[in-house]
Structure formats: C-alpha cells, structure tokens
C-alpha atoms as a PDB file:
ATOM      1  CA  ASP A   1      90.257 -10.348 -22.084  1.00  0.00           C
ATOM      2  CA  GLN A   2      93.340 -12.217 -23.253  1.00  0.00           C
ATOM      3  CA  TYR A   3      92.951 -15.099 -20.797  1.00  0.00           C
ATOM      4  CA  ALA A   4      89.408 -15.777 -22.029  1.00  0.00           C
ATOM      5  CA  GLU A   5      90.637 -15.854 -25.637  1.00  0.00           C
ATOM      6  CA  VAL A   6      93.400 -18.331 -24.756  1.00  0.00           C
ATOM      7  CA  MET A   7      90.912 -20.576 -22.943  1.00  0.00           C
ATOM      8  CA  LYS A   8      88.477 -20.413 -25.877  1.00  0.00           C
ATOM      9  CA  THR A   9      91.254 -21.412 -28.295  1.00  0.00           C
ATOM     10  CA  MET A  10      92.351 -24.282 -26.053  1.00  0.00           C
ATOM     11  CA  GLN A  11      88.772 -25.605 -25.799  1.00  0.00           C
ATOM     12  CA  GLN A  12      88.420 -25.492 -29.577  1.00  0.00           C
ATOM     13  CA  ILE A  13      91.702 -27.345 -30.080  1.00  0.00           C
ATOM     14  CA  VAL A  14      90.667 -30.074 -27.649  1.00  0.00           C
ATOM     15  CA  PHE A  15      87.051 -30.518 -28.718  1.00  0.00           C
ATOM     16  CA  PHE A  16      86.814 -29.534 -32.409  1.00  0.00           C
ATOM     17  CA  SER A  17      88.459 -30.854 -35.561  1.00  0.00           C
ATOM     18  CA  LEU A  18      90.583 -28.431 -37.540  1.00  0.00           C
ATOM     19  CA  GLU A  19      87.896 -28.238 -40.221  1.00  0.00           C
ATOM     20  CA  LYS A  20      85.343 -27.126 -37.614  1.00  0.00           C
ATOM     21  CA  ARG A  21      87.760 -24.651 -36.022  1.00  0.00           C
ATOM     22  CA  LEU A  22      88.522 -23.127 -39.401  1.00  0.00           C
ATOM     23  CA  ALA A  23      84.845 -22.976 -40.404  1.00  0.00           C
ATOM     24  CA  SER A  24      83.993 -21.322 -37.087  1.00  0.00           C
ATOM     25  CA  PHE A  25      86.793 -18.805 -37.548  1.00  0.00           C
ATOM     26  CA  LEU A  26      85.752 -17.966 -41.123  1.00  0.00           C
ATOM     27  CA  ARG A  27      82.128 -17.490 -40.117  1.00  0.00           C
ATOM     28  CA  SER A  28      82.881 -15.324 -37.083  1.00  0.00           C
ATOM     29  CA  GLU A  29      85.529 -13.256 -38.868  1.00  0.00           C
ATOM     30  CA  SER A  30      83.262 -12.456 -41.819  1.00  0.00           C
ATOM     31  CA  GLU A  31      80.420 -11.591 -39.413  1.00  0.00           C
ATOM     32  CA  ARG A  32      82.715  -9.457 -37.257  1.00  0.00           C
ATOM     33  CA  ARG A  33      83.939  -7.506 -40.265  1.00  0.00           C
ATOM     34  CA  GLY A  34      80.476  -7.298 -41.834  1.00  0.00           C
ATOM     35  CA  SER A  35      81.786  -8.644 -45.127  1.00  0.00           C
ATOM     36  CA  PRO A  36      82.286 -12.081 -46.677  1.00  0.00           C
ATOM     37  CA  ALA A  37      85.753 -10.966 -47.847  1.00  0.00           C
ATOM     38  CA  PHE A  38      88.618 -10.104 -45.545  1.00  0.00           C
ATOM     39  CA  SER A  39      92.388  -9.763 -45.687  1.00  0.00           C
ATOM     40  CA  MET A  40      94.362 -12.185 -43.557  1.00  0.00           C
ATOM     41  CA  THR A  41      97.288 -14.502 -44.164  1.00  0.00           C
ATOM     42  CA  HIS A  42      97.139 -18.249 -43.633  1.00  0.00           C
ATOM     43  CA  GLU A  43      99.805 -17.792 -40.955  1.00  0.00           C
ATOM     44  CA  GLN A  44      97.612 -15.320 -39.049  1.00  0.00           C
ATOM     45  CA  ILE A  45      94.632 -17.676 -39.233  1.00  0.00           C
ATOM     46  CA  ALA A  46      96.801 -20.576 -38.053  1.00  0.00           C
ATOM     47  CA  ARG A  47      97.851 -18.582 -34.993  1.00  0.00           C
ATOM     48  CA  CYS A  48      94.226 -17.679 -34.216  1.00  0.00           C
ATOM     49  CA  ILE A  49      92.971 -21.271 -34.348  1.00  0.00           C
ATOM     50  CA  GLY A  50      96.014 -23.035 -32.894  1.00  0.00           C
ATOM     51  CA  SER A  51      97.299 -24.814 -35.980  1.00  0.00           C
ATOM     52  CA  SER A  52     100.138 -24.652 -38.496  1.00  0.00           C
ATOM     53  CA  ARG A  53     100.098 -22.573 -41.676  1.00  0.00           C
ATOM     54  CA  GLU A  54     100.522 -25.665 -43.834  1.00  0.00           C
ATOM     55  CA  VAL A  55      97.442 -27.370 -42.377  1.00  0.00           C
ATOM     56  CA  VAL A  56      95.369 -24.188 -42.679  1.00  0.00           C
ATOM     57  CA  THR A  57      96.457 -23.789 -46.320  1.00  0.00           C
ATOM     58  CA  ARG A  58      95.556 -27.405 -47.111  1.00  0.00           C
ATOM     59  CA  THR A  59      92.137 -27.093 -45.460  1.00  0.00           C
ATOM     60  CA  LEU A  60      91.401 -23.741 -47.124  1.00  0.00           C
ATOM     61  CA  ASN A  61      92.288 -25.288 -50.480  1.00  0.00           C
ATOM     62  CA  GLN A  62      89.827 -28.110 -49.747  1.00  0.00           C
ATOM     63  CA  PHE A  63      87.154 -25.541 -48.866  1.00  0.00           C
ATOM     64  CA  ALA A  64      87.936 -23.689 -52.118  1.00  0.00           C
ATOM     65  CA  SER A  65      87.616 -26.875 -54.194  1.00  0.00           C
ATOM     66  CA  ARG A  66      84.175 -27.414 -52.607  1.00  0.00           C
ATOM     67  CA  GLY A  67      83.133 -23.857 -53.516  1.00  0.00           C
ATOM     68  CA  LEU A  68      82.938 -22.648 -49.920  1.00  0.00           C
ATOM     69  CA  VAL A  69      85.594 -19.962 -50.171  1.00  0.00           C
ATOM     70  CA  SER A  70      87.591 -18.093 -52.768  1.00  0.00           C
ATOM     71  CA  LEU A  71      91.276 -17.517 -52.087  1.00  0.00           C
ATOM     72  CA  GLY A  72      93.229 -14.538 -53.366  1.00  0.00           C
ATOM     73  CA  ARG A  73      96.573 -13.069 -52.463  1.00  0.00           C
ATOM     74  CA  GLY A  74      96.095 -12.260 -48.774  1.00  0.00           C
ATOM     75  CA  THR A  75      92.304 -12.283 -49.169  1.00  0.00           C
ATOM     76  CA  ILE A  76      89.684 -14.874 -48.292  1.00  0.00           C
ATOM     77  CA  THR A  77      86.078 -14.603 -49.436  1.00  0.00           C
ATOM     78  CA  VAL A  78      83.397 -16.806 -47.882  1.00  0.00           C
ATOM     79  CA  LEU A  79      81.245 -17.767 -50.880  1.00  0.00           C
ATOM     80  CA  ASP A  80      78.768 -20.072 -49.150  1.00  0.00           C
ATOM     81  CA  GLN A  81      78.092 -19.028 -45.550  1.00  0.00           C
ATOM     82  CA  THR A  82      75.382 -21.702 -45.188  1.00  0.00           C
ATOM     83  CA  ALA A  83      77.733 -24.528 -46.180  1.00  0.00           C
ATOM     84  CA  VAL A  84      80.471 -23.179 -43.894  1.00  0.00           C
ATOM     85  CA  SER A  85      77.984 -23.081 -41.008  1.00  0.00           C
ATOM     86  CA  ALA A  86      76.831 -26.627 -41.849  1.00  0.00           C
ATOM     87  CA  ILE A  87      80.359 -27.898 -41.108  1.00  0.00           C
ATOM     88  CA  LEU A  88      79.783 -26.865 -37.501  1.00  0.00           C
ATOM     89  CA  GLU A  89      76.690 -29.036 -37.068  1.00  0.00           C
END
C-alpha cells in the first residue's frame, strides 16, 4: 500500500547513502521488469528514491563512468548487476 511505500522511502533516506539508494532502485527495477534495460527519466527516479534530479543525474553519470550502467535518452541499462549489488554491501 501507499503508506508502506512512503515508510520504505523514508527509511532509505535516513539510513542509506544516495549511491546505495540508487543502486538498490536500479537492481530492483531491472528485476521487477525482467530486463536490465528500462525506460525512466532521472526525474522519475529522483522522486522514487527521495532525491533531486541533479543528484541522480550526477550519480548515474558516475555509475556510467565505472561501467555499471549505460545511459540513453530516457533509457537506463544495468550493465553489471554484480557490481551494482556490491554497492549495497
């Protein structure tokens, strides 16, 4: 339900760094969709993880430079699921 989602987001904001929140989101979203590639804007991701678009864009660009993701126009592809999961450890 919506309340549970809000509480989950609040817990992540309080206890996890943005990098971990973003990695968790990327992993769960690609698993949920059954594909490493999915269409979503940086603004939509920012709303889901409780951040700003600018910070999400900066962090995604860092992930891309490390070879973790590939960024296209409105599309994100998780290239290295193992490395993304390792951020969460």
